[in-house]
Amino acid sequence: MSFPDNLTFQELEPSSFSQENGFSDLLNYVEGEDENLPFSEDTTLLVEDLMNQNTKKHEYKFDPEDLEHLSALPDTPLANTDFPGDFNFSMNIKYKEYSENCNKIFTKMNEKFPVEFTVDYYTKEPMYIRATLQYAEEHKTTDTVVRCIMHEQKAERTNTDVSEHVWFHVLRSSNKKAIYLGNKLNKEHLSVVLPLSEPQAGVKGVKEFFYFVCMSSCGSPGISRRNLEMIFQLENQQGTVLGRRCIKARICACPRRDREKEEGEEHLPPSRGKKRKIKALPPAPGKILLPDSDLKHYRVELDVIGIDNLKSVLDHLESLTGYMLLKHKGQPGEKILEDNLHQIITMKKRYQDKK
């Protein structure tokens, strides 16, 4: 594009444009304040282009149908390395039991924690945050992280007014626009996807709240004390990964205690001694050990010191009973275990809000 030969910078009179309005004053000047100025249509388009480049944010309206084309992730291992990408995707966690030293969050079940997401700029097309749980052990990364047998039941309060396919998701979002993808029967990772909205005026990032609906101590097919990592991916409409951030996670009854313990272990020197393996003693002659076959009721009266310790005892008891229920599905003892599990859950609810 060429400018007319008779156009000079003096004719523009820069002093007549305010510093505050910038390109807007220039565009108004071009479009009608002086019809004798030799500006062509190309010149006007150039100024509009400059205005668009000077605008960091792009307004777009979220349409729920935009999420329909997004697909679940296969059970192949997800990359767990931080990748800011061209958007300089980052996240910030300000939570009482988040450990920067361990890059790990310690939290209770059903307790919401904030995650603030930031990007350097926004595009005209929507972008999304996909949060996925994955087992940290390399040989377990293809296993789907699902809830334990008792927490995935319809009677569980976290499943009230929730679609049945969401019952199996350990990680939930408070965002009402979030959708839940993945099917454990199809060997897919379970993930929650939500639109990345633009920050409010004066704020750089967007804060979203997440929470877990199962415990790390819950028995198989739950987490069963395996190490978890939480992977946040920035994606476009085609599912292309534009950025990635990862942290570790533990859902427990005493987050502060566990955080302090792990932070202390991080500074311990590695042990040089070798632990001797202790061989299990064979059962006594004529005695058969069937730990899951005993369905007798045993009443124990025991004082537990500390509400956190009591919650831990109940959590462990719930996990053990749930595991037995899984083993006795379709067998005569199933009803007995279901009633016992319901009794434990009711007792847990009684102490849930106490500190």
Protein backbone atom coordinates (compact mmCIF):
# COMPACT_ATOMS: atom_id res chain seq x y z
CA MET A 1 0.00 0.00 0.00
CA SER A 2 1.42 3.47 -0.92
CA PHE A 3 0.61 6.86 0.56
CA PRO A 4 -0.18 9.91 -1.64
CA ASP A 5 2.84 12.07 -2.53
CA ASN A 6 1.26 15.24 -1.15
CA LEU A 7 0.67 13.74 2.36
CA THR A 8 3.00 15.20 4.98
CA PHE A 9 3.24 14.64 8.73
CA GLN A 10 2.65 18.35 9.31
CA GLU A 11 -0.81 18.06 7.77
CA LEU A 12 -1.79 15.57 10.47
CA GLU A 13 -1.12 18.07 13.27
CA PRO A 14 -0.27 15.50 15.97
CA SER A 15 -0.89 18.00 18.74
CA SER A 16 -4.61 17.92 17.90
CA PHE A 17 -4.86 14.27 19.03
CA SER A 18 -5.16 13.58 22.74
CA GLN A 19 -2.81 11.03 24.30
CA GLU A 20 -5.73 9.54 26.18
CA ASN A 21 -7.86 8.64 23.15
CA GLY A 22 -4.98 7.64 20.86
CA PHE A 23 -6.13 5.73 17.78
CA SER A 24 -9.80 6.67 18.29
CA ASP A 25 -9.06 10.38 17.70
CA LEU A 26 -6.97 9.52 14.67
CA LEU A 27 -9.71 7.36 13.17
CA ASN A 28 -12.35 10.07 13.74
CA TYR A 29 -10.05 12.59 12.10
CA VAL A 30 -9.59 10.31 9.11
CA GLU A 31 -13.28 9.50 8.73
CA GLY A 32 -14.75 12.99 8.53
CA GLU A 33 -13.17 15.92 10.31
CA ASP A 34 -11.44 17.13 7.15
CA GLU A 35 -12.70 15.78 3.85
CA ASN A 36 -9.91 17.51 1.96
CA LEU A 37 -7.19 15.34 3.53
CA PRO A 38 -5.90 12.82 0.96
CA PHE A 39 -6.59 9.62 2.98
CA SER A 40 -7.57 6.57 0.95
CA GLU A 41 -9.77 3.66 2.06
CA ASP A 42 -6.63 1.57 2.54
CA THR A 43 -5.31 4.13 5.01
CA THR A 44 -8.51 3.90 7.07
CA LEU A 45 -8.25 0.10 7.16
CA LEU A 46 -4.65 0.41 8.28
CA VAL A 47 -5.65 2.58 11.23
CA GLU A 48 -8.43 0.15 12.20
CA ASP A 49 -5.89 -2.68 12.04
CA LEU A 50 -3.60 -0.81 14.39
CA MET A 51 -6.47 -0.27 16.79
CA ASN A 52 -7.24 -3.98 16.86
CA GLN A 53 -3.60 -4.83 17.51
CA ASN A 54 -3.55 -2.34 20.35
CA THR A 55 -6.50 -4.08 22.01
CA LYS A 56 -5.36 -6.91 24.28
CA LYS A 57 -8.77 -8.41 25.02
CA HIS A 58 -11.38 -9.80 22.64
CA GLU A 59 -14.99 -10.07 23.71
CA TYR A 60 -16.76 -13.30 22.90
CA LYS A 61 -19.88 -14.90 24.26
CA PHE A 62 -19.74 -18.44 25.59
CA ASP A 63 -22.06 -20.90 23.89
CA PRO A 64 -22.63 -24.28 25.62
CA GLU A 65 -22.68 -25.89 22.16
CA ASP A 66 -19.00 -24.95 21.81
CA LEU A 67 -18.21 -27.73 24.30
CA GLU A 68 -20.09 -30.47 22.46
CA HIS A 69 -17.25 -31.15 20.02
CA LEU A 70 -14.67 -31.64 22.79
CA SER A 71 -13.72 -35.27 23.33
CA ALA A 72 -12.42 -37.35 26.21
CA LEU A 73 -8.75 -38.18 26.54
CA PRO A 74 -7.62 -41.77 25.87
CA ASP A 75 -5.88 -43.70 28.62
CA THR A 76 -2.42 -42.93 27.22
CA PRO A 77 -0.11 -41.22 29.77
CA LEU A 78 -0.54 -37.45 29.90
CA ALA A 79 2.56 -35.25 29.88
CA ASN A 80 3.18 -33.86 33.36
CA THR A 81 5.78 -31.19 32.59
CA ASP A 82 4.95 -27.48 32.80
CA PHE A 83 4.49 -25.89 29.38
CA PRO A 84 3.62 -22.16 29.31
CA GLY A 85 3.30 -22.05 25.51
CA ASP A 86 2.84 -18.93 23.38
CA PHE A 87 0.14 -17.64 25.74
CA ASN A 88 2.46 -17.89 28.78
CA PHE A 89 -0.19 -19.98 30.53
CA SER A 90 0.30 -20.02 34.30
CA MET A 91 -1.62 -20.76 37.47
CA ASN A 92 -1.43 -19.62 41.05
CA ILE A 93 -2.76 -21.43 44.13
CA LYS A 94 -3.33 -19.47 47.33
CA TYR A 95 -4.57 -22.14 49.70
CA LYS A 96 -3.69 -22.72 53.34
CA GLU A 97 -2.40 -26.26 52.79
CA TYR A 98 -0.63 -25.86 49.47
CA SER A 99 3.08 -26.69 49.69
CA GLU A 100 5.33 -24.83 47.27
CA ASN A 101 8.28 -26.99 48.32
CA CYS A 102 6.46 -30.17 47.33
CA ASN A 103 4.32 -28.53 44.61
CA LYS A 104 1.43 -30.36 46.23
CA ILE A 105 -1.98 -29.50 47.59
CA PHE A 106 -3.27 -31.19 50.74
CA THR A 107 -7.01 -30.88 51.19
CA LYS A 108 -10.05 -32.50 52.72
CA MET A 109 -12.79 -34.17 50.77
CA ASN A 110 -15.48 -31.69 49.58
CA GLU A 111 -13.36 -28.68 50.54
CA LYS A 112 -13.08 -26.13 47.73
CA PHE A 113 -9.69 -24.70 46.81
CA PRO A 114 -9.01 -21.80 44.39
CA VAL A 115 -6.82 -21.94 41.29
CA GLU A 116 -6.09 -18.70 39.43
CA PHE A 117 -5.31 -19.00 35.71
CA THR A 118 -3.57 -16.31 33.64
CA VAL A 119 -2.60 -15.87 30.00
CA ASP A 120 -0.80 -12.98 28.35
CA TYR A 121 -3.55 -12.39 25.80
CA TYR A 122 -6.89 -13.70 24.58
CA THR A 123 -7.97 -14.70 21.09
CA LYS A 124 -11.25 -14.24 19.27
CA GLU A 125 -11.87 -17.96 19.60
CA PRO A 126 -12.78 -19.46 23.01
CA MET A 127 -10.17 -21.27 25.08
CA TYR A 128 -10.76 -23.90 27.74
CA ILE A 129 -9.22 -25.31 30.89
CA ARG A 130 -9.16 -29.10 31.12
CA ALA A 131 -8.37 -30.52 34.58
CA THR A 132 -7.43 -34.21 34.73
CA LEU A 133 -6.29 -36.50 37.53
CA GLN A 134 -3.58 -39.04 36.81
CA TYR A 135 -1.62 -41.47 38.94
CA ALA A 136 1.95 -40.28 39.42
CA GLU A 137 3.59 -43.71 39.28
CA GLU A 138 4.73 -44.32 35.72
CA HIS A 139 3.30 -47.83 35.54
CA LYS A 140 -0.10 -46.54 36.73
CA THR A 141 -0.53 -43.54 34.40
CA THR A 142 -2.85 -45.46 32.07
CA ASP A 143 -5.21 -46.43 34.91
CA THR A 144 -8.35 -44.31 35.11
CA VAL A 145 -8.68 -42.39 38.40
CA VAL A 146 -12.20 -43.17 39.64
CA ARG A 147 -14.11 -42.99 42.91
CA CYS A 148 -14.32 -45.86 45.34
CA ILE A 149 -17.32 -48.18 45.44
CA MET A 150 -19.14 -46.37 48.26
CA HIS A 151 -18.66 -42.79 47.08
CA GLU A 152 -19.92 -43.54 43.59
CA GLN A 153 -23.28 -44.74 44.91
CA LYS A 154 -26.46 -42.77 44.20
CA ALA A 155 -27.11 -42.30 47.93
CA GLU A 156 -23.85 -40.34 48.35
CA ARG A 157 -24.78 -36.70 48.91
CA THR A 158 -22.19 -35.42 46.40
CA ASN A 159 -24.15 -37.26 43.70
CA THR A 160 -27.41 -35.45 44.42
CA ASP A 161 -28.76 -33.61 41.36
CA VAL A 162 -25.72 -34.75 39.35
CA SER A 163 -25.80 -36.75 36.11
CA GLU A 164 -24.95 -40.40 36.62
CA HIS A 165 -21.81 -40.29 34.46
CA VAL A 166 -20.39 -37.63 36.82
CA TRP A 167 -20.66 -39.92 39.87
CA PHE A 168 -17.34 -41.55 38.99
CA HIS A 169 -15.35 -38.30 38.75
CA VAL A 170 -13.08 -37.64 41.73
CA LEU A 171 -12.39 -34.03 40.70
CA ARG A 172 -15.26 -31.54 40.47
CA SER A 173 -15.54 -27.86 39.53
CA SER A 174 -17.79 -25.17 41.02
CA ASN A 175 -18.19 -23.59 37.59
CA LYS A 176 -21.78 -24.20 36.43
CA LYS A 177 -20.64 -24.20 32.80
CA ALA A 178 -18.20 -27.07 33.34
CA ILE A 179 -18.72 -30.39 31.57
CA TYR A 180 -17.38 -33.82 32.55
CA LEU A 181 -15.76 -36.04 29.94
CA GLY A 182 -14.52 -39.61 29.98
CA ASN A 183 -15.85 -43.09 30.59
CA LYS A 184 -14.00 -45.59 32.75
CA LEU A 185 -15.53 -48.49 30.80
CA ASN A 186 -13.92 -47.12 27.63
CA LYS A 187 -10.58 -46.74 29.45
CA GLU A 188 -10.56 -42.96 29.17
CA HIS A 189 -9.16 -40.35 31.51
CA LEU A 190 -11.90 -38.56 33.45
CA SER A 191 -11.59 -34.80 33.10
CA VAL A 192 -13.58 -31.65 33.82
CA VAL A 193 -13.56 -28.92 31.14
CA LEU A 194 -14.60 -25.30 31.67
CA PRO A 195 -14.39 -22.19 29.51
CA LEU A 196 -11.57 -19.74 30.25
CA SER A 197 -13.38 -16.47 30.87
CA GLU A 198 -11.69 -13.10 30.66
CA PRO A 199 -10.58 -11.47 33.93
CA GLN A 200 -12.51 -8.66 35.52
CA ALA A 201 -11.26 -5.09 35.33
CA GLY A 202 -8.11 -4.52 37.33
CA VAL A 203 -7.40 -8.24 37.75
CA LYS A 204 -4.94 -10.22 35.67
CA GLY A 205 -6.14 -13.77 36.33
CA VAL A 206 -9.35 -15.77 36.46
CA LYS A 207 -10.08 -17.70 39.65
CA GLU A 208 -11.86 -21.07 39.54
CA PHE A 209 -12.74 -23.37 42.43
CA PHE A 210 -12.24 -27.13 42.46
CA TYR A 211 -12.83 -29.88 45.03
CA PHE A 212 -12.40 -33.63 45.44
CA VAL A 213 -15.19 -36.08 46.25
CA CYS A 214 -13.12 -39.08 47.29
CA MET A 215 -10.23 -39.73 49.68
CA SER A 216 -6.71 -40.80 48.83
CA SER A 217 -7.17 -43.56 51.42
CA CYS A 218 -10.32 -44.97 49.77
CA GLY A 219 -9.89 -48.59 48.75
CA SER A 220 -9.76 -50.10 45.28
CA PRO A 221 -11.10 -49.34 42.71
CA GLY A 222 -10.59 -45.92 44.28
CA ILE A 223 -7.28 -44.10 44.72
CA SER A 224 -6.11 -46.65 47.29
CA ARG A 225 -3.22 -44.48 48.61
CA ARG A 226 -1.63 -44.08 45.19
CA ASN A 227 0.05 -40.74 44.46
CA LEU A 228 -2.01 -38.28 42.43
CA GLU A 229 -1.09 -35.47 40.09
CA MET A 230 -3.50 -32.87 38.78
CA ILE A 231 -2.88 -31.70 35.20
CA PHE A 232 -4.38 -28.43 33.93
CA GLN A 233 -4.30 -27.97 30.15
CA LEU A 234 -5.12 -24.83 28.17
CA GLU A 235 -6.89 -25.94 24.99
CA ASN A 236 -8.57 -24.39 21.96
CA GLN A 237 -11.76 -25.51 20.25
CA GLN A 238 -9.92 -28.22 18.35
CA GLY A 239 -8.50 -29.70 21.56
CA THR A 240 -4.95 -28.55 20.79
CA VAL A 241 -2.90 -28.15 23.97
CA LEU A 242 -1.75 -24.51 24.17
CA GLY A 243 -0.29 -24.71 27.69
CA ARG A 244 0.04 -27.02 30.68
CA ARG A 245 0.58 -26.79 34.44
CA CYS A 246 0.83 -29.68 36.92
CA ILE A 247 0.69 -30.14 40.69
CA LYS A 248 0.46 -33.12 43.02
CA ALA A 249 -2.54 -33.74 45.27
CA ARG A 250 -3.53 -35.61 48.42
CA ILE A 251 -7.06 -35.80 49.83
CA CYS A 252 -6.92 -36.60 53.52
CA ALA A 253 -8.54 -35.99 56.90
CA CYS A 254 -5.61 -33.99 58.33
CA PRO A 255 -4.13 -31.85 55.53
CA ARG A 256 -1.91 -29.76 57.78
CA ARG A 257 -0.39 -32.78 59.51
CA ASP A 258 0.30 -34.55 56.21
CA ARG A 259 1.74 -31.41 54.61
CA GLU A 260 4.15 -30.81 57.49
CA LYS A 261 5.15 -34.46 57.45
CA GLU A 262 5.95 -34.51 53.73
CA GLU A 263 7.73 -31.16 53.85
CA GLY A 264 9.89 -32.57 56.63
CA GLU A 265 10.65 -35.71 54.65
CA GLU A 266 11.76 -33.61 51.69
CA HIS A 267 14.72 -32.39 53.74
CA LEU A 268 15.75 -35.81 55.12
CA PRO A 269 18.93 -37.34 53.62
CA PRO A 270 18.36 -40.58 51.70
CA SER A 271 18.69 -43.72 53.76
CA ARG A 272 21.88 -45.72 52.99
CA GLY A 273 20.90 -48.86 54.82
CA LYS A 274 19.01 -51.71 53.31
CA LYS A 275 15.80 -52.88 54.87
CA ARG A 276 15.60 -56.57 55.55
CA LYS A 277 12.56 -58.26 54.16
CA ILE A 278 10.43 -59.99 56.77
CA LYS A 279 8.89 -63.18 55.55
CA ALA A 280 5.29 -63.78 56.47
CA LEU A 281 4.75 -66.72 58.80
CA PRO A 282 2.66 -69.54 57.39
CA PRO A 283 -0.76 -70.06 58.97
CA ALA A 284 -1.07 -72.54 61.77
CA PRO A 285 -1.96 -76.10 60.70
CA GLY A 286 -5.65 -76.48 60.03
CA LYS A 287 -6.29 -72.69 60.15
CA ILE A 288 -7.41 -71.01 56.93
CA LEU A 289 -7.08 -67.20 56.65
CA LEU A 290 -9.98 -65.63 54.82
CA PRO A 291 -9.91 -61.94 55.81
CA ASP A 292 -12.90 -60.97 53.66
CA SER A 293 -15.17 -63.87 54.56
CA ASP A 294 -15.87 -62.94 58.19
CA LEU A 295 -19.21 -61.12 58.25
CA LYS A 296 -19.83 -61.30 61.99
CA HIS A 297 -20.60 -58.10 63.88
CA TYR A 298 -18.06 -56.95 66.49
CA ARG A 299 -18.99 -54.04 68.76
CA VAL A 300 -16.02 -52.03 70.06
CA GLU A 301 -16.30 -49.27 72.66
CA LEU A 302 -13.23 -47.10 72.26
CA ASP A 303 -12.44 -43.49 73.09
CA VAL A 304 -10.62 -41.67 70.26
CA ILE A 305 -8.62 -38.58 71.22
CA GLY A 306 -8.96 -35.71 68.73
CA ILE A 307 -11.62 -35.06 66.09
CA ASP A 308 -9.09 -35.43 63.25
CA ASN A 309 -8.06 -38.85 64.53
CA LEU A 310 -11.71 -39.88 64.79
CA LYS A 311 -12.31 -38.80 61.18
CA SER A 312 -9.26 -40.77 60.08
CA VAL A 313 -10.55 -43.90 61.84
CA LEU A 314 -13.95 -43.55 60.19
CA ASP A 315 -12.36 -42.90 56.77
CA HIS A 316 -10.26 -46.03 57.08
CA LEU A 317 -13.23 -48.08 58.28
CA GLU A 318 -15.29 -46.80 55.35
CA SER A 319 -12.56 -47.81 52.89
CA LEU A 320 -12.25 -51.30 54.34
CA THR A 321 -16.01 -51.88 54.34
CA GLY A 322 -16.31 -50.56 50.79
CA TYR A 323 -13.57 -52.93 49.66
CA MET A 324 -15.37 -55.88 51.27
CA LEU A 325 -18.63 -54.80 49.61
CA LEU A 326 -16.91 -54.83 46.24
CA LYS A 327 -15.68 -58.39 46.90
CA HIS A 328 -19.16 -59.59 47.94
CA LYS A 329 -21.17 -58.06 45.09
CA GLY A 330 -23.97 -60.46 44.18
CA GLN A 331 -23.27 -62.67 47.19
CA PRO A 332 -25.37 -63.26 50.35
CA GLY A 333 -23.23 -60.91 52.46
CA GLU A 334 -23.80 -57.91 50.17
CA LYS A 335 -26.86 -56.61 52.08
CA ILE A 336 -25.07 -56.87 55.44
CA LEU A 337 -22.13 -54.84 54.16
CA GLU A 338 -24.36 -52.23 52.51
CA ASP A 339 -26.17 -51.63 55.81
CA ASN A 340 -22.88 -51.40 57.68
CA LEU A 341 -21.45 -48.97 55.13
CA HIS A 342 -24.54 -46.78 55.39
CA GLN A 343 -24.13 -46.73 59.17
CA ILE A 344 -20.48 -45.62 58.87
CA ILE A 345 -21.32 -42.86 56.36
CA THR A 346 -24.09 -41.58 58.65
CA MET A 347 -21.64 -41.42 61.54
CA LYS A 348 -19.10 -39.58 59.36
CA LYS A 349 -21.70 -36.94 58.46
CA ARG A 350 -22.35 -36.37 62.17
CA TYR A 351 -18.72 -35.32 62.74
CA GLN A 352 -18.00 -33.83 59.31
CA ASP A 353 -18.39 -30.14 60.21
CA LYS A 354 -16.72 -30.39 63.61
CA LYS A 355 -13.17 -29.07 63.97
